[in-house]
């Protein structure tokens, strides 16, 4: 039996080179119509709409603060994928930092609201908290300062969590945020 070769970007690129302008526009239109994810990607890439972060925030919100009365499940991986998808679409540092801080705020709010006790969820929260701190501190502008202040609120709100979450956040905050802020 003959094995099929692994398909790659090079194969697609070769096919795209045969398209004219109208063909490429048609292809992009088909991709746009194919899924909400494709639409969000294209809106973010081209800066279309009032809030290009809104679809990504919606996914994060649904995944880290699910409706427990509707038996919705938590999905850290889908929430993180939303941030990754934004990074691929446009990846502006301010937008990435905003999404990471939003993730931390919503995850912390969910834990406080429902009394969540899950070490895997908490570990993911602490990892995202560190990434958010790194991103916010790197901005070094008013937006960055505002994000750091929001992360400080997340840290304070996590004070009653178990599994060392509060201790980890305190250590990370002290490591990334200078005392003279």
N, C-alpha and C. Protein backbone atom coordinates (compact mmCIF):
# COMPACT_ATOMS: atom_id res chain seq x y z
N UNK A 1 0.83 -1.18 0.00
CA UNK A 1 0.00 0.00 0.00
C UNK A 1 0.87 1.24 0.00
N UNK A 2 0.39 2.22 -0.70
CA UNK A 2 1.13 3.47 -0.82
C UNK A 2 0.73 4.43 0.31
N UNK A 3 1.71 4.98 1.00
CA UNK A 3 1.45 5.95 2.07
C UNK A 3 1.23 7.32 1.45
N UNK A 4 0.28 8.04 2.01
CA UNK A 4 0.05 9.40 1.54
C UNK A 4 1.01 10.34 2.26
N UNK A 5 1.51 11.31 1.50
CA UNK A 5 2.43 12.28 2.09
C UNK A 5 1.68 13.19 3.04
N UNK A 6 2.35 13.62 4.06
CA UNK A 6 1.77 14.55 5.03
C UNK A 6 1.53 15.89 4.34
N UNK A 7 0.34 16.41 4.52
CA UNK A 7 0.01 17.69 3.92
C UNK A 7 0.58 18.82 4.77
N UNK A 8 0.95 19.91 4.11
CA UNK A 8 1.56 21.02 4.85
C UNK A 8 1.16 22.36 4.23
N UNK A 9 1.62 23.42 4.88
CA UNK A 9 1.38 24.77 4.38
C UNK A 9 1.95 24.93 2.97
N UNK A 10 3.07 24.31 2.69
CA UNK A 10 3.68 24.42 1.36
C UNK A 10 2.72 23.94 0.27
N UNK A 11 1.96 22.90 0.55
CA UNK A 11 0.98 22.40 -0.42
C UNK A 11 -0.10 23.45 -0.69
N UNK A 12 -0.59 24.05 0.38
CA UNK A 12 -1.62 25.09 0.24
C UNK A 12 -1.06 26.31 -0.48
N UNK A 13 0.14 26.70 -0.10
CA UNK A 13 0.78 27.87 -0.71
C UNK A 13 0.93 27.68 -2.22
N UNK A 14 1.30 26.49 -2.61
CA UNK A 14 1.43 26.19 -4.04
C UNK A 14 0.11 26.34 -4.77
N UNK A 15 -0.97 25.90 -4.15
CA UNK A 15 -2.30 26.03 -4.75
C UNK A 15 -2.75 27.49 -4.79
N UNK A 16 -2.44 28.25 -3.74
CA UNK A 16 -2.84 29.65 -3.69
C UNK A 16 -2.18 30.47 -4.80
N UNK A 17 -0.99 30.09 -5.18
CA UNK A 17 -0.28 30.84 -6.22
C UNK A 17 -1.00 30.78 -7.57
N UNK A 18 -1.93 29.84 -7.72
CA UNK A 18 -2.68 29.74 -8.98
C UNK A 18 -3.93 30.61 -8.98
N UNK A 19 -4.30 31.17 -7.82
CA UNK A 19 -5.51 31.98 -7.72
C UNK A 19 -5.27 33.39 -8.22
N UNK A 20 -6.30 33.98 -8.83
CA UNK A 20 -6.26 35.40 -9.15
C UNK A 20 -6.90 36.15 -7.98
N UNK A 21 -6.98 37.45 -8.09
CA UNK A 21 -7.51 38.28 -7.00
C UNK A 21 -8.93 37.86 -6.62
N UNK A 22 -9.79 37.68 -7.61
CA UNK A 22 -11.18 37.29 -7.35
C UNK A 22 -11.25 35.92 -6.68
N UNK A 23 -10.40 35.02 -7.09
CA UNK A 23 -10.37 33.69 -6.48
C UNK A 23 -9.95 33.75 -5.02
N UNK A 24 -8.95 34.57 -4.71
CA UNK A 24 -8.51 34.73 -3.32
C UNK A 24 -9.60 35.37 -2.47
N UNK A 25 -10.26 36.39 -3.00
CA UNK A 25 -11.35 37.02 -2.26
C UNK A 25 -12.48 36.03 -2.00
N UNK A 26 -12.78 35.21 -2.98
CA UNK A 26 -13.81 34.18 -2.80
C UNK A 26 -13.43 33.18 -1.73
N UNK A 27 -12.17 32.79 -1.72
CA UNK A 27 -11.69 31.85 -0.71
C UNK A 27 -11.80 32.45 0.69
N UNK A 28 -11.37 33.69 0.83
CA UNK A 28 -11.46 34.36 2.14
C UNK A 28 -12.92 34.51 2.55
N UNK A 29 -13.80 34.82 1.60
CA UNK A 29 -15.22 34.92 1.91
C UNK A 29 -15.77 33.58 2.39
N UNK A 30 -15.36 32.49 1.75
CA UNK A 30 -15.79 31.16 2.19
C UNK A 30 -15.27 30.84 3.59
N UNK A 31 -14.03 31.19 3.86
CA UNK A 31 -13.47 30.98 5.20
C UNK A 31 -14.21 31.81 6.23
N UNK A 32 -14.55 33.04 5.88
CA UNK A 32 -15.29 33.93 6.78
C UNK A 32 -16.64 33.31 7.14
N UNK A 33 -17.31 32.76 6.13
CA UNK A 33 -18.63 32.17 6.35
C UNK A 33 -18.56 30.82 7.06
N UNK A 34 -17.41 30.19 7.08
CA UNK A 34 -17.28 28.83 7.61
C UNK A 34 -17.46 28.74 9.13
N UNK A 35 -17.01 29.75 9.88
CA UNK A 35 -17.13 29.64 11.33
C UNK A 35 -17.00 31.00 12.02
N UNK A 36 -17.53 31.04 13.23
CA UNK A 36 -17.40 32.25 14.06
C UNK A 36 -15.94 32.51 14.41
N UNK A 37 -15.16 31.44 14.58
CA UNK A 37 -13.73 31.61 14.88
C UNK A 37 -13.02 32.32 13.73
N UNK A 38 -13.34 31.93 12.50
CA UNK A 38 -12.72 32.58 11.33
C UNK A 38 -13.13 34.05 11.27
N UNK A 39 -14.39 34.32 11.58
CA UNK A 39 -14.85 35.71 11.57
C UNK A 39 -14.12 36.53 12.62
N UNK A 40 -14.00 35.98 13.83
CA UNK A 40 -13.29 36.69 14.90
C UNK A 40 -11.84 36.95 14.51
N UNK A 41 -11.21 35.95 13.90
CA UNK A 41 -9.83 36.08 13.45
C UNK A 41 -9.70 37.23 12.45
N UNK A 42 -10.56 37.25 11.43
CA UNK A 42 -10.48 38.28 10.41
C UNK A 42 -10.84 39.66 10.96
N UNK A 43 -11.82 39.74 11.84
CA UNK A 43 -12.15 41.02 12.46
C UNK A 43 -10.97 41.57 13.26
N UNK A 44 -10.33 40.68 14.02
CA UNK A 44 -9.16 41.11 14.81
C UNK A 44 -8.00 41.51 13.90
N UNK A 45 -7.73 40.69 12.90
CA UNK A 45 -6.59 40.97 12.01
C UNK A 45 -6.73 42.32 11.32
N UNK A 46 -7.97 42.66 10.92
CA UNK A 46 -8.17 43.90 10.17
C UNK A 46 -8.74 45.03 11.03
N UNK A 47 -8.85 44.80 12.34
CA UNK A 47 -9.31 45.85 13.25
C UNK A 47 -10.73 46.30 12.96
N UNK A 48 -11.59 45.36 12.62
CA UNK A 48 -12.97 45.70 12.28
C UNK A 48 -13.86 45.52 13.50
N UNK A 49 -14.66 46.53 13.76
CA UNK A 49 -15.59 46.45 14.89
C UNK A 49 -15.13 47.34 16.03
N UNK A 50 -16.05 47.56 16.94
CA UNK A 50 -15.77 48.43 18.09
C UNK A 50 -14.84 47.75 19.08
N UNK A 51 -15.01 46.45 19.27
CA UNK A 51 -14.23 45.73 20.27
C UNK A 51 -13.79 44.38 19.71
N UNK A 52 -12.59 44.32 19.16
CA UNK A 52 -12.11 43.07 18.57
C UNK A 52 -11.84 42.01 19.63
N UNK A 53 -11.74 42.41 20.89
CA UNK A 53 -11.51 41.45 21.97
C UNK A 53 -12.80 40.76 22.42
N UNK A 54 -13.94 41.32 22.08
CA UNK A 54 -15.22 40.82 22.59
C UNK A 54 -15.44 39.32 22.33
N UNK A 55 -15.24 38.81 21.12
CA UNK A 55 -15.49 37.37 20.93
C UNK A 55 -14.53 36.49 21.73
N UNK A 56 -13.31 36.95 21.92
CA UNK A 56 -12.34 36.19 22.69
C UNK A 56 -12.70 36.22 24.18
N UNK A 57 -13.14 37.39 24.65
CA UNK A 57 -13.56 37.50 26.05
C UNK A 57 -14.80 36.64 26.31
N UNK A 58 -15.68 36.59 25.34
CA UNK A 58 -16.88 35.78 25.49
C UNK A 58 -16.53 34.30 25.69
N UNK A 59 -15.58 33.82 24.92
CA UNK A 59 -15.13 32.42 25.05
C UNK A 59 -14.48 32.20 26.42
N UNK A 60 -13.60 33.11 26.79
CA UNK A 60 -12.92 32.99 28.09
C UNK A 60 -13.95 32.98 29.22
N UNK A 61 -14.88 33.91 29.16
CA UNK A 61 -15.90 34.02 30.20
C UNK A 61 -16.69 32.72 30.31
N UNK A 62 -17.13 32.19 29.20
CA UNK A 62 -17.93 30.96 29.20
C UNK A 62 -17.13 29.77 29.72
N UNK A 63 -15.83 29.77 29.46
CA UNK A 63 -14.99 28.61 29.80
C UNK A 63 -14.48 28.63 31.24
N UNK A 64 -14.24 29.80 31.80
CA UNK A 64 -13.73 29.84 33.18
C UNK A 64 -14.78 30.28 34.20
N UNK A 65 -15.95 30.71 33.73
CA UNK A 65 -17.06 30.99 34.63
C UNK A 65 -18.33 30.42 34.00
N UNK A 66 -18.40 29.10 33.91
CA UNK A 66 -19.56 28.47 33.27
C UNK A 66 -20.80 28.58 34.14
N UNK A 67 -21.95 28.42 33.52
CA UNK A 67 -23.22 28.44 34.23
C UNK A 67 -23.42 27.06 34.85
N UNK A 68 -23.19 26.95 36.14
CA UNK A 68 -23.28 25.65 36.82
C UNK A 68 -24.72 25.15 36.86
N UNK A 69 -25.69 26.04 36.75
CA UNK A 69 -27.09 25.63 36.76
C UNK A 69 -27.50 24.99 35.43
N UNK A 70 -26.72 25.23 34.39
CA UNK A 70 -26.97 24.63 33.08
C UNK A 70 -25.99 23.48 32.81
N UNK A 71 -25.29 23.05 33.86
CA UNK A 71 -24.30 21.97 33.75
C UNK A 71 -23.22 22.25 32.71
N UNK A 72 -22.86 23.50 32.53
CA UNK A 72 -21.76 23.84 31.64
C UNK A 72 -20.45 23.47 32.32
N UNK A 73 -19.52 22.98 31.54
CA UNK A 73 -18.24 22.53 32.08
C UNK A 73 -17.18 23.61 31.96
N UNK A 74 -16.25 23.57 32.88
CA UNK A 74 -15.06 24.43 32.82
C UNK A 74 -14.15 23.89 31.73
N UNK A 75 -13.51 24.79 30.99
CA UNK A 75 -12.53 24.36 30.00
C UNK A 75 -11.37 25.36 29.95
N UNK A 76 -10.38 25.09 30.75
CA UNK A 76 -9.19 25.94 30.77
C UNK A 76 -8.53 25.94 29.40
N UNK A 77 -8.49 24.78 28.75
CA UNK A 77 -7.82 24.69 27.44
C UNK A 77 -8.52 25.56 26.40
N UNK A 78 -9.84 25.61 26.39
CA UNK A 78 -10.56 26.45 25.43
C UNK A 78 -10.36 27.92 25.74
N UNK A 79 -10.31 28.27 27.01
CA UNK A 79 -10.06 29.66 27.39
C UNK A 79 -8.67 30.10 26.95
N UNK A 80 -7.69 29.23 27.17
CA UNK A 80 -6.32 29.54 26.75
C UNK A 80 -6.21 29.57 25.22
N UNK A 81 -6.99 28.74 24.55
CA UNK A 81 -6.99 28.72 23.08
C UNK A 81 -7.51 30.05 22.53
N UNK A 82 -8.49 30.64 23.21
CA UNK A 82 -9.01 31.94 22.77
C UNK A 82 -7.89 32.98 22.79
N UNK A 83 -7.07 32.96 23.81
CA UNK A 83 -5.94 33.89 23.89
C UNK A 83 -4.93 33.58 22.79
N UNK A 84 -4.67 32.32 22.58
CA UNK A 84 -3.75 31.91 21.51
C UNK A 84 -4.29 32.31 20.13
N UNK A 85 -5.60 32.16 19.93
CA UNK A 85 -6.20 32.54 18.66
C UNK A 85 -6.06 34.04 18.42
N UNK A 86 -6.24 34.83 19.47
CA UNK A 86 -6.05 36.28 19.33
C UNK A 86 -4.59 36.58 18.97
N UNK A 87 -3.68 35.89 19.63
CA UNK A 87 -2.25 36.08 19.37
C UNK A 87 -1.95 35.82 17.89
N UNK A 88 -2.54 34.77 17.33
CA UNK A 88 -2.33 34.44 15.92
C UNK A 88 -2.98 35.46 15.00
N UNK A 89 -4.13 35.98 15.40
CA UNK A 89 -4.86 36.92 14.56
C UNK A 89 -4.17 38.27 14.48
N UNK A 90 -3.77 38.79 15.61
CA UNK A 90 -3.18 40.13 15.61
C UNK A 90 -2.07 40.27 16.64
N UNK A 91 -2.28 39.71 17.81
CA UNK A 91 -1.25 39.64 18.83
C UNK A 91 -0.73 40.95 19.36
N UNK A 92 -1.57 41.98 19.40
CA UNK A 92 -1.11 43.24 19.99
C UNK A 92 -0.87 43.03 21.48
N UNK A 93 0.26 43.51 21.99
CA UNK A 93 0.58 43.30 23.41
C UNK A 93 -0.51 43.77 24.37
N UNK A 94 -1.13 44.92 24.06
CA UNK A 94 -2.17 45.44 24.95
C UNK A 94 -3.37 44.49 24.98
N UNK A 95 -3.74 43.97 23.82
CA UNK A 95 -4.87 43.05 23.73
C UNK A 95 -4.58 41.73 24.42
N UNK A 96 -3.38 41.22 24.23
CA UNK A 96 -3.00 39.97 24.90
C UNK A 96 -3.02 40.14 26.42
N UNK A 97 -2.46 41.22 26.89
CA UNK A 97 -2.44 41.47 28.34
C UNK A 97 -3.87 41.61 28.87
N UNK A 98 -4.71 42.32 28.14
CA UNK A 98 -6.11 42.49 28.56
C UNK A 98 -6.82 41.14 28.66
N UNK A 99 -6.62 40.28 27.67
CA UNK A 99 -7.27 38.96 27.70
C UNK A 99 -6.76 38.11 28.86
N UNK A 100 -5.47 38.18 29.14
CA UNK A 100 -4.91 37.40 30.25
C UNK A 100 -5.44 37.91 31.59
N UNK A 101 -5.51 39.22 31.75
CA UNK A 101 -6.03 39.79 33.00
C UNK A 101 -7.51 39.43 33.13
N UNK A 102 -8.25 39.53 32.04
CA UNK A 102 -9.66 39.17 32.05
C UNK A 102 -9.85 37.71 32.47
N UNK A 103 -9.02 36.83 31.94
CA UNK A 103 -9.06 35.42 32.33
C UNK A 103 -8.89 35.29 33.84
N UNK A 104 -7.89 35.95 34.39
CA UNK A 104 -7.63 35.89 35.83
C UNK A 104 -8.80 36.43 36.64
N UNK A 105 -9.36 37.55 36.19
CA UNK A 105 -10.50 38.14 36.90
C UNK A 105 -11.70 37.20 36.91
N UNK A 106 -12.02 36.64 35.76
CA UNK A 106 -13.19 35.78 35.65
C UNK A 106 -12.98 34.47 36.40
N UNK A 107 -11.80 33.88 36.29
CA UNK A 107 -11.53 32.62 37.00
C UNK A 107 -11.58 32.83 38.51
N UNK A 108 -11.03 33.94 38.98
CA UNK A 108 -11.06 34.26 40.40
C UNK A 108 -12.49 34.52 40.86
N UNK A 109 -13.23 35.25 40.06
CA UNK A 109 -14.63 35.52 40.38
C UNK A 109 -15.44 34.24 40.48
N UNK A 110 -15.20 33.31 39.56
CA UNK A 110 -15.91 32.03 39.58
C UNK A 110 -15.59 31.26 40.85
N UNK A 111 -14.31 31.22 41.20
CA UNK A 111 -13.89 30.50 42.41
C UNK A 111 -14.55 31.09 43.65
N UNK A 112 -14.60 32.40 43.72
CA UNK A 112 -15.24 33.05 44.86
C UNK A 112 -16.75 32.84 44.86
N UNK A 113 -17.34 32.82 43.68
CA UNK A 113 -18.79 32.69 43.56
C UNK A 113 -19.29 31.29 43.92
N UNK A 114 -18.59 30.27 43.45
CA UNK A 114 -19.09 28.90 43.66
C UNK A 114 -18.27 28.10 44.66
N UNK A 115 -17.22 28.69 45.20
CA UNK A 115 -16.40 27.96 46.18
C UNK A 115 -15.59 26.86 45.54
N UNK A 116 -15.05 27.13 44.40
CA UNK A 116 -14.27 26.15 43.63
C UNK A 116 -13.04 25.68 44.40
N UNK A 117 -12.80 24.40 44.37
CA UNK A 117 -11.62 23.80 44.99
C UNK A 117 -11.06 22.76 44.03
N UNK A 118 -10.22 23.19 43.10
CA UNK A 118 -9.68 22.30 42.09
C UNK A 118 -8.23 22.68 41.84
N UNK A 119 -7.31 21.81 42.20
CA UNK A 119 -5.89 22.15 42.11
C UNK A 119 -5.43 22.38 40.67
N UNK A 120 -6.00 21.67 39.70
CA UNK A 120 -5.61 21.86 38.29
C UNK A 120 -6.05 23.24 37.82
N UNK A 121 -7.28 23.61 38.16
CA UNK A 121 -7.81 24.93 37.80
C UNK A 121 -6.97 26.03 38.45
N UNK A 122 -6.65 25.85 39.73
CA UNK A 122 -5.84 26.83 40.44
C UNK A 122 -4.43 26.95 39.84
N UNK A 123 -3.83 25.83 39.47
CA UNK A 123 -2.50 25.86 38.87
C UNK A 123 -2.52 26.63 37.55
N UNK A 124 -3.57 26.42 36.75
CA UNK A 124 -3.70 27.15 35.49
C UNK A 124 -3.90 28.64 35.75
N UNK A 125 -4.66 28.96 36.79
CA UNK A 125 -4.88 30.36 37.15
C UNK A 125 -3.57 31.04 37.54
N UNK A 126 -2.76 30.38 38.34
CA UNK A 126 -1.49 30.96 38.77
C UNK A 126 -0.55 31.15 37.57
N UNK A 127 -0.52 30.17 36.67
CA UNK A 127 0.32 30.31 35.46
C UNK A 127 -0.14 31.49 34.61
N UNK A 128 -1.45 31.63 34.44
CA UNK A 128 -1.98 32.76 33.66
C UNK A 128 -1.72 34.07 34.38
N UNK A 129 -1.80 34.06 35.70
CA UNK A 129 -1.53 35.25 36.49
C UNK A 129 -0.10 35.74 36.24
N UNK A 130 0.85 34.80 36.22
CA UNK A 130 2.24 35.19 35.96
C UNK A 130 2.40 35.75 34.55
N UNK A 131 1.79 35.11 33.57
CA UNK A 131 1.87 35.61 32.19
C UNK A 131 1.24 37.00 32.08
N UNK A 132 0.11 37.19 32.76
CA UNK A 132 -0.56 38.48 32.74
C UNK A 132 0.32 39.56 33.37
N UNK A 133 0.95 39.23 34.50
CA UNK A 133 1.86 40.19 35.15
C UNK A 133 3.01 40.56 34.22
N UNK A 134 3.62 39.56 33.60
CA UNK A 134 4.72 39.82 32.67
C UNK A 134 4.28 40.76 31.55
N UNK A 135 3.12 40.48 30.99
CA UNK A 135 2.61 41.29 29.88
C UNK A 135 2.25 42.70 30.31
N UNK A 136 1.60 42.83 31.46
CA UNK A 136 1.17 44.14 31.94
C UNK A 136 2.37 45.02 32.29
N UNK A 137 3.34 44.44 32.97
CA UNK A 137 4.54 45.20 33.37
C UNK A 137 5.33 45.64 32.13
N UNK A 138 5.33 44.81 31.10
CA UNK A 138 6.08 45.13 29.88
C UNK A 138 5.46 46.31 29.12
N UNK A 139 4.20 46.61 29.35
CA UNK A 139 3.54 47.70 28.62
C UNK A 139 4.08 49.07 29.04
N UNK A 140 4.38 49.24 30.29
CA UNK A 140 4.95 50.48 30.83
C UNK A 140 4.23 51.75 30.36
N UNK A 141 2.93 51.75 30.40
CA UNK A 141 2.14 52.93 30.10
C UNK A 141 0.92 52.92 31.03
N UNK A 142 0.01 53.87 30.83
CA UNK A 142 -1.17 53.93 31.69
C UNK A 142 -1.98 52.64 31.63
N UNK A 143 -2.09 52.06 30.43
CA UNK A 143 -2.82 50.81 30.29
C UNK A 143 -2.15 49.71 31.10
N UNK A 144 -0.84 49.66 31.07
CA UNK A 144 -0.10 48.67 31.84
C UNK A 144 -0.30 48.85 33.33
N UNK A 145 -0.29 50.09 33.79
CA UNK A 145 -0.51 50.37 35.22
C UNK A 145 -1.92 49.96 35.64
N UNK A 146 -2.87 50.23 34.77
CA UNK A 146 -4.26 49.85 35.06
C UNK A 146 -4.40 48.32 35.15
N UNK A 147 -3.73 47.61 34.26
CA UNK A 147 -3.78 46.15 34.28
C UNK A 147 -3.12 45.59 35.54
N UNK A 148 -2.01 46.20 35.94
CA UNK A 148 -1.34 45.77 37.17
C UNK A 148 -2.26 45.99 38.37
N UNK A 149 -2.96 47.11 38.39
CA UNK A 149 -3.90 47.38 39.49
C UNK A 149 -5.01 46.33 39.52
N UNK A 150 -5.50 45.93 38.34
CA UNK A 150 -6.53 44.89 38.27
C UNK A 150 -5.98 43.55 38.75
N UNK A 151 -4.73 43.26 38.42
CA UNK A 151 -4.10 42.02 38.88
C UNK A 151 -3.88 42.04 40.39
N UNK A 152 -3.64 43.22 40.93
CA UNK A 152 -3.53 43.35 42.39
C UNK A 152 -4.87 42.99 43.03
N UNK A 153 -5.97 43.41 42.42
CA UNK A 153 -7.30 43.07 42.92
C UNK A 153 -7.54 41.56 42.83
N UNK A 154 -7.08 40.94 41.75
CA UNK A 154 -7.19 39.48 41.62
C UNK A 154 -6.44 38.81 42.76
N UNK A 155 -5.24 39.29 43.01
CA UNK A 155 -4.41 38.74 44.09
C UNK A 155 -5.13 38.84 45.43
N UNK A 156 -5.70 39.98 45.70
CA UNK A 156 -6.42 40.18 46.96
C UNK A 156 -7.67 39.29 47.04
N UNK A 157 -8.36 39.14 45.92
CA UNK A 157 -9.58 38.33 45.90
C UNK A 157 -9.29 36.84 46.08
N UNK A 158 -8.07 36.44 45.81
CA UNK A 158 -7.70 35.02 45.92
C UNK A 158 -7.20 34.66 47.32
N UNK A 159 -7.26 35.59 48.23
CA UNK A 159 -6.65 35.37 49.55
C UNK A 159 -7.25 34.20 50.32
N UNK A 160 -8.47 33.83 50.01
CA UNK A 160 -9.08 32.72 50.74
C UNK A 160 -9.04 31.39 49.98
N UNK A 161 -8.35 31.35 48.84
CA UNK A 161 -8.24 30.11 48.07
C UNK A 161 -7.24 29.17 48.75
N UNK A 162 -7.45 27.91 48.57
CA UNK A 162 -6.51 26.91 49.07
C UNK A 162 -5.41 26.65 48.06
N UNK A 163 -4.68 25.58 48.29
CA UNK A 163 -3.64 25.09 47.37
C UNK A 163 -2.51 26.09 47.16
N UNK A 164 -2.31 27.04 48.05
CA UNK A 164 -1.20 27.98 47.96
C UNK A 164 -1.36 29.05 46.89
N UNK A 165 -2.57 29.21 46.35
CA UNK A 165 -2.79 30.18 45.27
C UNK A 165 -2.42 31.58 45.72
N UNK A 166 -2.91 31.98 46.87
CA UNK A 166 -2.64 33.32 47.38
C UNK A 166 -1.14 33.54 47.59
N UNK A 167 -0.48 32.56 48.18
CA UNK A 167 0.97 32.68 48.41
C UNK A 167 1.71 32.82 47.08
N UNK A 168 1.34 31.99 46.11
CA UNK A 168 1.99 32.05 44.80
C UNK A 168 1.79 33.42 44.14
N UNK A 169 0.56 33.92 44.22
CA UNK A 169 0.28 35.23 43.61
C UNK A 169 1.02 36.34 44.33
N UNK A 170 1.10 36.27 45.64
CA UNK A 170 1.85 37.28 46.39
C UNK A 170 3.32 37.29 45.99
N UNK A 171 3.90 36.11 45.86
CA UNK A 171 5.31 36.00 45.46
C UNK A 171 5.51 36.55 44.06
N UNK A 172 4.63 36.18 43.13
CA UNK A 172 4.75 36.66 41.75
C UNK A 172 4.57 38.17 41.67
N UNK A 173 3.61 38.69 42.40
CA UNK A 173 3.37 40.14 42.38
C UNK A 173 4.60 40.88 42.89
N UNK A 174 5.18 40.41 43.97
CA UNK A 174 6.38 41.04 44.52
C UNK A 174 7.56 40.95 43.56
N UNK A 175 7.60 39.85 42.80
CA UNK A 175 8.70 39.64 41.86
C UNK A 175 8.61 40.58 40.65
N UNK A 176 7.41 40.81 40.16
CA UNK A 176 7.23 41.57 38.92
C UNK A 176 6.91 43.04 39.10
N UNK A 177 6.34 43.40 40.24
CA UNK A 177 5.90 44.78 40.42
C UNK A 177 6.79 45.44 41.46
N UNK A 178 7.50 46.50 41.06
CA UNK A 178 8.37 47.19 42.01
C UNK A 178 7.56 47.87 43.12
N UNK A 179 8.17 47.99 44.27
CA UNK A 179 7.51 48.60 45.42
C UNK A 179 7.21 50.08 45.21
N UNK A 180 7.93 50.74 44.33
CA UNK A 180 7.78 52.19 44.14
C UNK A 180 6.71 52.55 43.11
N UNK A 181 5.84 51.64 42.78
CA UNK A 181 4.84 51.94 41.74
C UNK A 181 3.89 52.93 42.24
